[in-house]
Amino acid sequence: MGGAARRGLRMLALSIDRQSGDALAYLRRKGYTFPAVWLGPDLARAYPKPEGLPVTVVRGKDGRVAQAEKGQLFAEDVAELARWV
């Protein structure tokens, strides 16, 4: 993340894989180092799987949701999200 992290951008992933090991393997394979949480059975009951995965939520400095997008993001979409950083 480099420069984005210095500007305040933080990532958190929520995995819906059937097993936590699958989620960990994916993160390692991709070289991702941001925090990730596995949505195990207990959490899945409290937080049902959303439609249109993946879901990207941007929170403002005040903690409120500034923008939410569902589905795959392309380079131009990510560039648009940078306005919140």
PDB file of N, CA and C in Angstrom:
ATOM      1  N   MET A   1       0.815  -1.195   0.000  1.00  0.00           N
ATOM      2  CA  MET A   1       0.000   0.000   0.000  1.00  0.00           C
ATOM      3  C   MET A   1       0.848   1.244   0.000  1.00  0.00           C
ATOM      4  N   GLY A   2       1.955   1.251   0.658  1.00  0.00           N
ATOM      5  CA  GLY A   2       2.910   2.348   0.584  1.00  0.00           C
ATOM      6  C   GLY A   2       2.317   3.714   0.793  1.00  0.00           C
ATOM      7  N   GLY A   3       2.250   4.525  -0.288  1.00  0.00           N
ATOM      8  CA  GLY A   3       1.790   5.903  -0.214  1.00  0.00           C
ATOM      9  C   GLY A   3       0.366   6.036   0.284  1.00  0.00           C
ATOM     10  N   ALA A   4      -0.492   5.115  -0.113  1.00  0.00           N
ATOM     11  CA  ALA A   4      -1.881   5.168   0.339  1.00  0.00           C
ATOM     12  C   ALA A   4      -1.962   5.015   1.853  1.00  0.00           C
ATOM     13  N   ALA A   5      -1.152   4.122   2.405  1.00  0.00           N
ATOM     14  CA  ALA A   5      -1.157   3.935   3.860  1.00  0.00           C
ATOM     15  C   ALA A   5      -0.702   5.203   4.561  1.00  0.00           C
ATOM     16  N   ARG A   6       0.275   5.892   4.003  1.00  0.00           N
ATOM     17  CA  ARG A   6       0.748   7.149   4.611  1.00  0.00           C
ATOM     18  C   ARG A   6      -0.331   8.215   4.567  1.00  0.00           C
ATOM     19  N   ARG A   7      -1.243   8.124   3.596  1.00  0.00           N
ATOM     20  CA  ARG A   7      -2.326   9.101   3.497  1.00  0.00           C
ATOM     21  C   ARG A   7      -3.546   8.689   4.310  1.00  0.00           C
ATOM     22  N   GLY A   8      -3.492   7.525   4.973  1.00  0.00           N
ATOM     23  CA  GLY A   8      -4.596   7.119   5.833  1.00  0.00           C
ATOM     24  C   GLY A   8      -5.458   5.998   5.294  1.00  0.00           C
ATOM     25  N   LEU A   9      -5.124   5.416   4.152  1.00  0.00           N
ATOM     26  CA  LEU A   9      -5.915   4.320   3.607  1.00  0.00           C
ATOM     27  C   LEU A   9      -5.568   3.033   4.335  1.00  0.00           C
ATOM     28  N   ARG A  10      -6.566   2.345   4.832  1.00  0.00           N
ATOM     29  CA  ARG A  10      -6.379   1.055   5.486  1.00  0.00           C
ATOM     30  C   ARG A  10      -7.352   0.056   4.877  1.00  0.00           C
ATOM     31  N   MET A  11      -6.893  -1.165   4.715  1.00  0.00           N
ATOM     32  CA  MET A  11      -7.704  -2.233   4.126  1.00  0.00           C
ATOM     33  C   MET A  11      -8.043  -3.250   5.201  1.00  0.00           C
ATOM     34  N   LEU A  12      -9.200  -3.856   5.080  1.00  0.00           N
ATOM     35  CA  LEU A  12      -9.601  -4.991   5.882  1.00  0.00           C
ATOM     36  C   LEU A  12     -10.378  -5.915   4.969  1.00  0.00           C
ATOM     37  N   ALA A  13      -9.993  -7.171   4.928  1.00  0.00           N
ATOM     38  CA  ALA A  13     -10.691  -8.153   4.102  1.00  0.00           C
ATOM     39  C   ALA A  13     -11.578  -9.019   4.978  1.00  0.00           C
ATOM     40  N   LEU A  14     -12.705  -9.408   4.437  1.00  0.00           N
ATOM     41  CA  LEU A  14     -13.616 -10.330   5.098  1.00  0.00           C
ATOM     42  C   LEU A  14     -13.790 -11.521   4.173  1.00  0.00           C
ATOM     43  N   SER A  15     -13.274 -12.664   4.580  1.00  0.00           N
ATOM     44  CA  SER A  15     -13.304 -13.857   3.747  1.00  0.00           C
ATOM     45  C   SER A  15     -14.574 -14.660   3.981  1.00  0.00           C
ATOM     46  N   ILE A  16     -15.183 -15.125   2.898  1.00  0.00           N
ATOM     47  CA  ILE A  16     -16.353 -15.993   3.001  1.00  0.00           C
ATOM     48  C   ILE A  16     -16.008 -17.416   2.569  1.00  0.00           C
ATOM     49  N   ASP A  17     -14.714 -17.737   2.505  1.00  0.00           N
ATOM     50  CA  ASP A  17     -14.304 -19.094   2.168  1.00  0.00           C
ATOM     51  C   ASP A  17     -14.918 -20.079   3.155  1.00  0.00           C
ATOM     52  N   ARG A  18     -15.092 -21.311   2.704  1.00  0.00           N
ATOM     53  CA  ARG A  18     -15.693 -22.342   3.570  1.00  0.00           C
ATOM     54  C   ARG A  18     -14.780 -22.727   4.728  1.00  0.00           C
ATOM     55  N   GLN A  19     -13.460 -22.608   4.519  1.00  0.00           N
ATOM     56  CA  GLN A  19     -12.501 -22.947   5.570  1.00  0.00           C
ATOM     57  C   GLN A  19     -11.486 -21.823   5.705  1.00  0.00           C
ATOM     58  N   SER A  20     -11.078 -21.547   6.932  1.00  0.00           N
ATOM     59  CA  SER A  20     -10.136 -20.452   7.159  1.00  0.00           C
ATOM     60  C   SER A  20      -8.805 -20.699   6.451  1.00  0.00           C
ATOM     61  N   GLY A  21      -8.390 -21.949   6.331  1.00  0.00           N
ATOM     62  CA  GLY A  21      -7.129 -22.266   5.650  1.00  0.00           C
ATOM     63  C   GLY A  21      -7.130 -21.837   4.198  1.00  0.00           C
ATOM     64  N   ASP A  22      -8.282 -21.928   3.538  1.00  0.00           N
ATOM     65  CA  ASP A  22      -8.384 -21.487   2.144  1.00  0.00           C
ATOM     66  C   ASP A  22      -8.159 -19.982   2.039  1.00  0.00           C
ATOM     67  N   ALA A  23      -8.718 -19.244   2.983  1.00  0.00           N
ATOM     68  CA  ALA A  23      -8.548 -17.785   2.993  1.00  0.00           C
ATOM     69  C   ALA A  23      -7.087 -17.426   3.228  1.00  0.00           C
ATOM     70  N   LEU A  24      -6.452 -18.090   4.196  1.00  0.00           N
ATOM     71  CA  LEU A  24      -5.041 -17.819   4.483  1.00  0.00           C
ATOM     72  C   LEU A  24      -4.154 -18.142   3.294  1.00  0.00           C
ATOM     73  N   ALA A  25      -4.425 -19.252   2.632  1.00  0.00           N
ATOM     74  CA  ALA A  25      -3.628 -19.636   1.464  1.00  0.00           C
ATOM     75  C   ALA A  25      -3.750 -18.596   0.353  1.00  0.00           C
ATOM     76  N   TYR A  26      -4.945 -18.088   0.138  1.00  0.00           N
ATOM     77  CA  TYR A  26      -5.157 -17.068  -0.893  1.00  0.00           C
ATOM     78  C   TYR A  26      -4.374 -15.792  -0.569  1.00  0.00           C
ATOM     79  N   LEU A  27      -4.463 -15.347   0.680  1.00  0.00           N
ATOM     80  CA  LEU A  27      -3.744 -14.136   1.082  1.00  0.00           C
ATOM     81  C   LEU A  27      -2.240 -14.303   0.891  1.00  0.00           C
ATOM     82  N   ARG A  28      -1.723 -15.448   1.282  1.00  0.00           N
ATOM     83  CA  ARG A  28      -0.278 -15.705   1.118  1.00  0.00           C
ATOM     84  C   ARG A  28       0.114 -15.744  -0.351  1.00  0.00           C
ATOM     85  N   ARG A  29      -0.698 -16.441  -1.146  1.00  0.00           N
ATOM     86  CA  ARG A  29      -0.398 -16.582  -2.579  1.00  0.00           C
ATOM     87  C   ARG A  29      -0.345 -15.218  -3.265  1.00  0.00           C
ATOM     88  N   LYS A  30      -1.236 -14.335  -2.886  1.00  0.00           N
ATOM     89  CA  LYS A  30      -1.290 -12.994  -3.481  1.00  0.00           C
ATOM     90  C   LYS A  30      -0.294 -12.025  -2.850  1.00  0.00           C
ATOM     91  N   GLY A  31       0.268 -12.392  -1.697  1.00  0.00           N
ATOM     92  CA  GLY A  31       1.208 -11.509  -1.020  1.00  0.00           C
ATOM     93  C   GLY A  31       0.538 -10.366  -0.272  1.00  0.00           C
ATOM     94  N   TYR A  32      -0.734 -10.521   0.050  1.00  0.00           N
ATOM     95  CA  TYR A  32      -1.458  -9.479   0.765  1.00  0.00           C
ATOM     96  C   TYR A  32      -1.054  -9.468   2.233  1.00  0.00           C
ATOM     97  N   THR A  33      -0.872  -8.288   2.784  1.00  0.00           N
ATOM     98  CA  THR A  33      -0.450  -8.163   4.180  1.00  0.00           C
ATOM     99  C   THR A  33      -1.455  -7.387   5.030  1.00  0.00           C
ATOM    100  N   PHE A  34      -2.554  -6.946   4.434  1.00  0.00           N
ATOM    101  CA  PHE A  34      -3.548  -6.223   5.221  1.00  0.00           C
ATOM    102  C   PHE A  34      -4.341  -7.205   6.096  1.00  0.00           C
ATOM    103  N   PRO A  35      -4.973  -6.699   7.162  1.00  0.00           N
ATOM    104  CA  PRO A  35      -5.726  -7.578   8.059  1.00  0.00           C
ATOM    105  C   PRO A  35      -6.891  -8.247   7.330  1.00  0.00           C
ATOM    106  N   ALA A  36      -7.176  -9.478   7.723  1.00  0.00           N
ATOM    107  CA  ALA A  36      -8.290 -10.222   7.141  1.00  0.00           C
ATOM    108  C   ALA A  36      -8.998 -11.000   8.239  1.00  0.00           C
ATOM    109  N   VAL A  37     -10.299 -11.127   8.085  1.00  0.00           N
ATOM    110  CA  VAL A  37     -11.130 -11.853   9.031  1.00  0.00           C
ATOM    111  C   VAL A  37     -11.870 -12.931   8.262  1.00  0.00           C
ATOM    112  N   TRP A  38     -11.922 -14.131   8.820  1.00  0.00           N
ATOM    113  CA  TRP A  38     -12.667 -15.226   8.202  1.00  0.00           C
ATOM    114  C   TRP A  38     -14.081 -15.223   8.748  1.00  0.00           C
ATOM    115  N   LEU A  39     -15.049 -15.243   7.871  1.00  0.00           N
ATOM    116  CA  LEU A  39     -16.458 -15.263   8.247  1.00  0.00           C
ATOM    117  C   LEU A  39     -16.860 -16.720   8.493  1.00  0.00           C
ATOM    118  N   GLY A  40     -16.523 -17.225   9.670  1.00  0.00           N
ATOM    119  CA  GLY A  40     -16.871 -18.585  10.052  1.00  0.00           C
ATOM    120  C   GLY A  40     -18.360 -18.713  10.320  1.00  0.00           C
ATOM    121  N   PRO A  41     -18.804 -19.916  10.649  1.00  0.00           N
ATOM    122  CA  PRO A  41     -20.243 -20.155  10.831  1.00  0.00           C
ATOM    123  C   PRO A  41     -20.913 -19.233  11.845  1.00  0.00           C
ATOM    124  N   ASP A  42     -20.238 -18.955  12.968  1.00  0.00           N
ATOM    125  CA  ASP A  42     -20.852 -18.092  13.983  1.00  0.00           C
ATOM    126  C   ASP A  42     -21.069 -16.677  13.463  1.00  0.00           C
ATOM    127  N   LEU A  43     -20.042 -16.120  12.821  1.00  0.00           N
ATOM    128  CA  LEU A  43     -20.181 -14.767  12.254  1.00  0.00           C
ATOM    129  C   LEU A  43     -21.167 -14.756  11.087  1.00  0.00           C
ATOM    130  N   ALA A  44     -21.189 -15.814  10.292  1.00  0.00           N
ATOM    131  CA  ALA A  44     -22.084 -15.870   9.131  1.00  0.00           C
ATOM    132  C   ALA A  44     -23.551 -15.782   9.559  1.00  0.00           C
ATOM    133  N   ARG A  45     -23.866 -16.315  10.713  1.00  0.00           N
ATOM    134  CA  ARG A  45     -25.250 -16.210  11.204  1.00  0.00           C
ATOM    135  C   ARG A  45     -25.592 -14.755  11.537  1.00  0.00           C
ATOM    136  N   ALA A  46     -24.624 -14.029  12.057  1.00  0.00           N
ATOM    137  CA  ALA A  46     -24.856 -12.625  12.430  1.00  0.00           C
ATOM    138  C   ALA A  46     -24.756 -11.688  11.234  1.00  0.00           C
ATOM    139  N   TYR A  47     -23.879 -12.032  10.278  1.00  0.00           N
ATOM    140  CA  TYR A  47     -23.637 -11.188   9.102  1.00  0.00           C
ATOM    141  C   TYR A  47     -23.790 -12.020   7.842  1.00  0.00           C
ATOM    142  N   PRO A  48     -25.004 -12.139   7.323  1.00  0.00           N
ATOM    143  CA  PRO A  48     -25.202 -12.958   6.124  1.00  0.00           C
ATOM    144  C   PRO A  48     -24.397 -12.435   4.933  1.00  0.00           C
ATOM    145  N   LYS A  49     -24.025 -13.348   4.038  1.00  0.00           N
ATOM    146  CA  LYS A  49     -23.236 -13.003   2.856  1.00  0.00           C
ATOM    147  C   LYS A  49     -23.981 -11.983   1.998  1.00  0.00           C
ATOM    148  N   PRO A  50     -23.321 -10.874   1.669  1.00  0.00           N
ATOM    149  CA  PRO A  50     -23.971  -9.862   0.820  1.00  0.00           C
ATOM    150  C   PRO A  50     -24.034 -10.323  -0.633  1.00  0.00           C
ATOM    151  N   GLU A  51     -24.934  -9.727  -1.380  1.00  0.00           N
ATOM    152  CA  GLU A  51     -25.007  -9.995  -2.820  1.00  0.00           C
ATOM    153  C   GLU A  51     -23.976  -9.138  -3.529  1.00  0.00           C
ATOM    154  N   GLY A  52     -23.481  -9.611  -4.675  1.00  0.00           N
ATOM    155  CA  GLY A  52     -22.578  -8.811  -5.493  1.00  0.00           C
ATOM    156  C   GLY A  52     -21.174  -8.722  -4.952  1.00  0.00           C
ATOM    157  N   LEU A  53     -20.585  -9.847  -4.636  1.00  0.00           N
ATOM    158  CA  LEU A  53     -19.220  -9.856  -4.115  1.00  0.00           C
ATOM    159  C   LEU A  53     -18.212  -9.531  -5.194  1.00  0.00           C
ATOM    160  N   PRO A  54     -17.118  -8.914  -4.882  1.00  0.00           N
ATOM    161  CA  PRO A  54     -16.770  -8.387  -3.566  1.00  0.00           C
ATOM    162  C   PRO A  54     -17.493  -7.077  -3.283  1.00  0.00           C
ATOM    163  N   VAL A  55     -17.492  -6.690  -2.043  1.00  0.00           N
ATOM    164  CA  VAL A  55     -18.077  -5.424  -1.626  1.00  0.00           C
ATOM    165  C   VAL A  55     -16.939  -4.532  -1.136  1.00  0.00           C
ATOM    166  N   THR A  56     -16.913  -3.295  -1.606  1.00  0.00           N
ATOM    167  CA  THR A  56     -15.911  -2.326  -1.180  1.00  0.00           C
ATOM    168  C   THR A  56     -16.627  -1.205  -0.451  1.00  0.00           C
ATOM    169  N   VAL A  57     -16.214  -0.949   0.782  1.00  0.00           N
ATOM    170  CA  VAL A  57     -16.815   0.111   1.588  1.00  0.00           C
ATOM    171  C   VAL A  57     -15.720   1.090   1.971  1.00  0.00           C
ATOM    172  N   VAL A  58     -15.962   2.359   1.709  1.00  0.00           N
ATOM    173  CA  VAL A  58     -15.005   3.410   2.064  1.00  0.00           C
ATOM    174  C   VAL A  58     -15.624   4.233   3.178  1.00  0.00           C
ATOM    175  N   ARG A  59     -14.889   4.315   4.281  1.00  0.00           N
ATOM    176  CA  ARG A  59     -15.352   5.132   5.394  1.00  0.00           C
ATOM    177  C   ARG A  59     -14.543   6.415   5.434  1.00  0.00           C
ATOM    178  N   GLY A  60     -15.226   7.495   5.727  1.00  0.00           N
ATOM    179  CA  GLY A  60     -14.560   8.781   5.849  1.00  0.00           C
ATOM    180  C   GLY A  60     -13.822   8.892   7.169  1.00  0.00           C
ATOM    181  N   LYS A  61     -13.104   9.977   7.336  1.00  0.00           N
ATOM    182  CA  LYS A  61     -12.354  10.191   8.574  1.00  0.00           C
ATOM    183  C   LYS A  61     -13.275  10.273   9.782  1.00  0.00           C
ATOM    184  N   ASP A  62     -14.540  10.605   9.547  1.00  0.00           N
ATOM    185  CA  ASP A  62     -15.504  10.669  10.646  1.00  0.00           C
ATOM    186  C   ASP A  62     -16.090   9.300  10.983  1.00  0.00           C
ATOM    187  N   GLY A  63     -15.692   8.259  10.244  1.00  0.00           N
ATOM    188  CA  GLY A  63     -16.164   6.905  10.495  1.00  0.00           C
ATOM    189  C   GLY A  63     -17.416   6.521   9.734  1.00  0.00           C
ATOM    190  N   ARG A  64     -18.053   7.482   9.093  1.00  0.00           N
ATOM    191  CA  ARG A  64     -19.264   7.185   8.315  1.00  0.00           C
ATOM    192  C   ARG A  64     -18.914   6.594   6.961  1.00  0.00           C
ATOM    193  N   VAL A  65     -19.840   5.815   6.410  1.00  0.00           N
ATOM    194  CA  VAL A  65     -19.650   5.254   5.073  1.00  0.00           C
ATOM    195  C   VAL A  65     -19.731   6.398   4.068  1.00  0.00           C
ATOM    196  N   ALA A  66     -18.650   6.582   3.307  1.00  0.00           N
ATOM    197  CA  ALA A  66     -18.594   7.637   2.298  1.00  0.00           C
ATOM    198  C   ALA A  66     -19.013   7.106   0.929  1.00  0.00           C
ATOM    199  N   GLN A  67     -18.723   5.833   0.683  1.00  0.00           N
ATOM    200  CA  GLN A  67     -19.047   5.234  -0.608  1.00  0.00           C
ATOM    201  C   GLN A  67     -19.051   3.726  -0.435  1.00  0.00           C
ATOM    202  N   ALA A  68     -19.946   3.048  -1.136  1.00  0.00           N
ATOM    203  CA  ALA A  68     -19.995   1.587  -1.123  1.00  0.00           C
ATOM    204  C   ALA A  68     -20.237   1.104  -2.547  1.00  0.00           C
ATOM    205  N   GLU A  69     -19.478   0.115  -2.946  1.00  0.00           N
ATOM    206  CA  GLU A  69     -19.588  -0.456  -4.285  1.00  0.00           C
ATOM    207  C   GLU A  69     -19.642  -1.967  -4.172  1.00  0.00           C
ATOM    208  N   LYS A  70     -20.450  -2.607  -5.006  1.00  0.00           N
ATOM    209  CA  LYS A  70     -20.431  -4.057  -5.021  1.00  0.00           C
ATOM    210  C   LYS A  70     -20.032  -4.533  -6.405  1.00  0.00           C
ATOM    211  N   GLY A  71     -19.349  -5.660  -6.430  1.00  0.00           N
ATOM    212  CA  GLY A  71     -18.842  -6.201  -7.683  1.00  0.00           C
ATOM    213  C   GLY A  71     -17.387  -5.821  -7.891  1.00  0.00           C
ATOM    214  N   GLN A  72     -16.840  -6.362  -8.956  1.00  0.00           N
ATOM    215  CA  GLN A  72     -15.420  -6.146  -9.270  1.00  0.00           C
ATOM    216  C   GLN A  72     -15.131  -4.680  -9.562  1.00  0.00           C
ATOM    217  N   LEU A  73     -14.002  -4.204  -9.050  1.00  0.00           N
ATOM    218  CA  LEU A  73     -13.551  -2.847  -9.333  1.00  0.00           C
ATOM    219  C   LEU A  73     -12.434  -2.892 -10.356  1.00  0.00           C
ATOM    220  N   PHE A  74     -12.442  -1.950 -11.257  1.00  0.00           N
ATOM    221  CA  PHE A  74     -11.402  -1.813 -12.261  1.00  0.00           C
ATOM    222  C   PHE A  74     -10.503  -0.635 -11.887  1.00  0.00           C
ATOM    223  N   ALA A  75      -9.401  -0.484 -12.582  1.00  0.00           N
ATOM    224  CA  ALA A  75      -8.418   0.553 -12.244  1.00  0.00           C
ATOM    225  C   ALA A  75      -9.060   1.931 -12.122  1.00  0.00           C
ATOM    226  N   GLU A  76      -9.947   2.263 -13.027  1.00  0.00           N
ATOM    227  CA  GLU A  76     -10.583   3.590 -12.975  1.00  0.00           C
ATOM    228  C   GLU A  76     -11.496   3.719 -11.756  1.00  0.00           C
ATOM    229  N   ASP A  77     -12.100   2.604 -11.319  1.00  0.00           N
ATOM    230  CA  ASP A  77     -12.939   2.632 -10.120  1.00  0.00           C
ATOM    231  C   ASP A  77     -12.081   2.889  -8.876  1.00  0.00           C
ATOM    232  N   VAL A  78     -10.962   2.219  -8.809  1.00  0.00           N
ATOM    233  CA  VAL A  78     -10.056   2.389  -7.672  1.00  0.00           C
ATOM    234  C   VAL A  78      -9.518   3.812  -7.652  1.00  0.00           C
ATOM    235  N   ALA A  79      -9.201   4.359  -8.819  1.00  0.00           N
ATOM    236  CA  ALA A  79      -8.717   5.737  -8.902  1.00  0.00           C
ATOM    237  C   ALA A  79      -9.776   6.703  -8.368  1.00  0.00           C
ATOM    238  N   GLU A  80     -11.038   6.407  -8.640  1.00  0.00           N
ATOM    239  CA  GLU A  80     -12.131   7.248  -8.147  1.00  0.00           C
ATOM    240  C   GLU A  80     -12.227   7.171  -6.609  1.00  0.00           C
ATOM    241  N   LEU A  81     -11.969   5.997  -6.049  1.00  0.00           N
ATOM    242  CA  LEU A  81     -12.014   5.848  -4.598  1.00  0.00           C
ATOM    243  C   LEU A  81     -10.934   6.663  -3.909  1.00  0.00           C
ATOM    244  N   ALA A  82      -9.852   6.954  -4.616  1.00  0.00           N
ATOM    245  CA  ALA A  82      -8.718   7.688  -4.040  1.00  0.00           C
ATOM    246  C   ALA A  82      -9.128   9.092  -3.585  1.00  0.00           C
ATOM    247  N   ARG A  83     -10.225   9.598  -4.070  1.00  0.00           N
ATOM    248  CA  ARG A  83     -10.640  10.945  -3.649  1.00  0.00           C
ATOM    249  C   ARG A  83     -10.966  11.009  -2.167  1.00  0.00           C
ATOM    250  N   TRP A  84     -11.225   9.853  -1.548  1.00  0.00           N
ATOM    251  CA  TRP A  84     -11.546   9.823  -0.129  1.00  0.00           C
ATOM    252  C   TRP A  84     -10.305   9.759   0.757  1.00  0.00           C
ATOM    253  N   VAL A  85      -9.143   9.563   0.143  1.00  0.00           N
ATOM    254  CA  VAL A  85      -7.907   9.403   0.922  1.00  0.00           C
ATOM    255  C   VAL A  85      -7.242  10.755   1.109  1.00  0.00           C
TER     256      VAL A  85
END
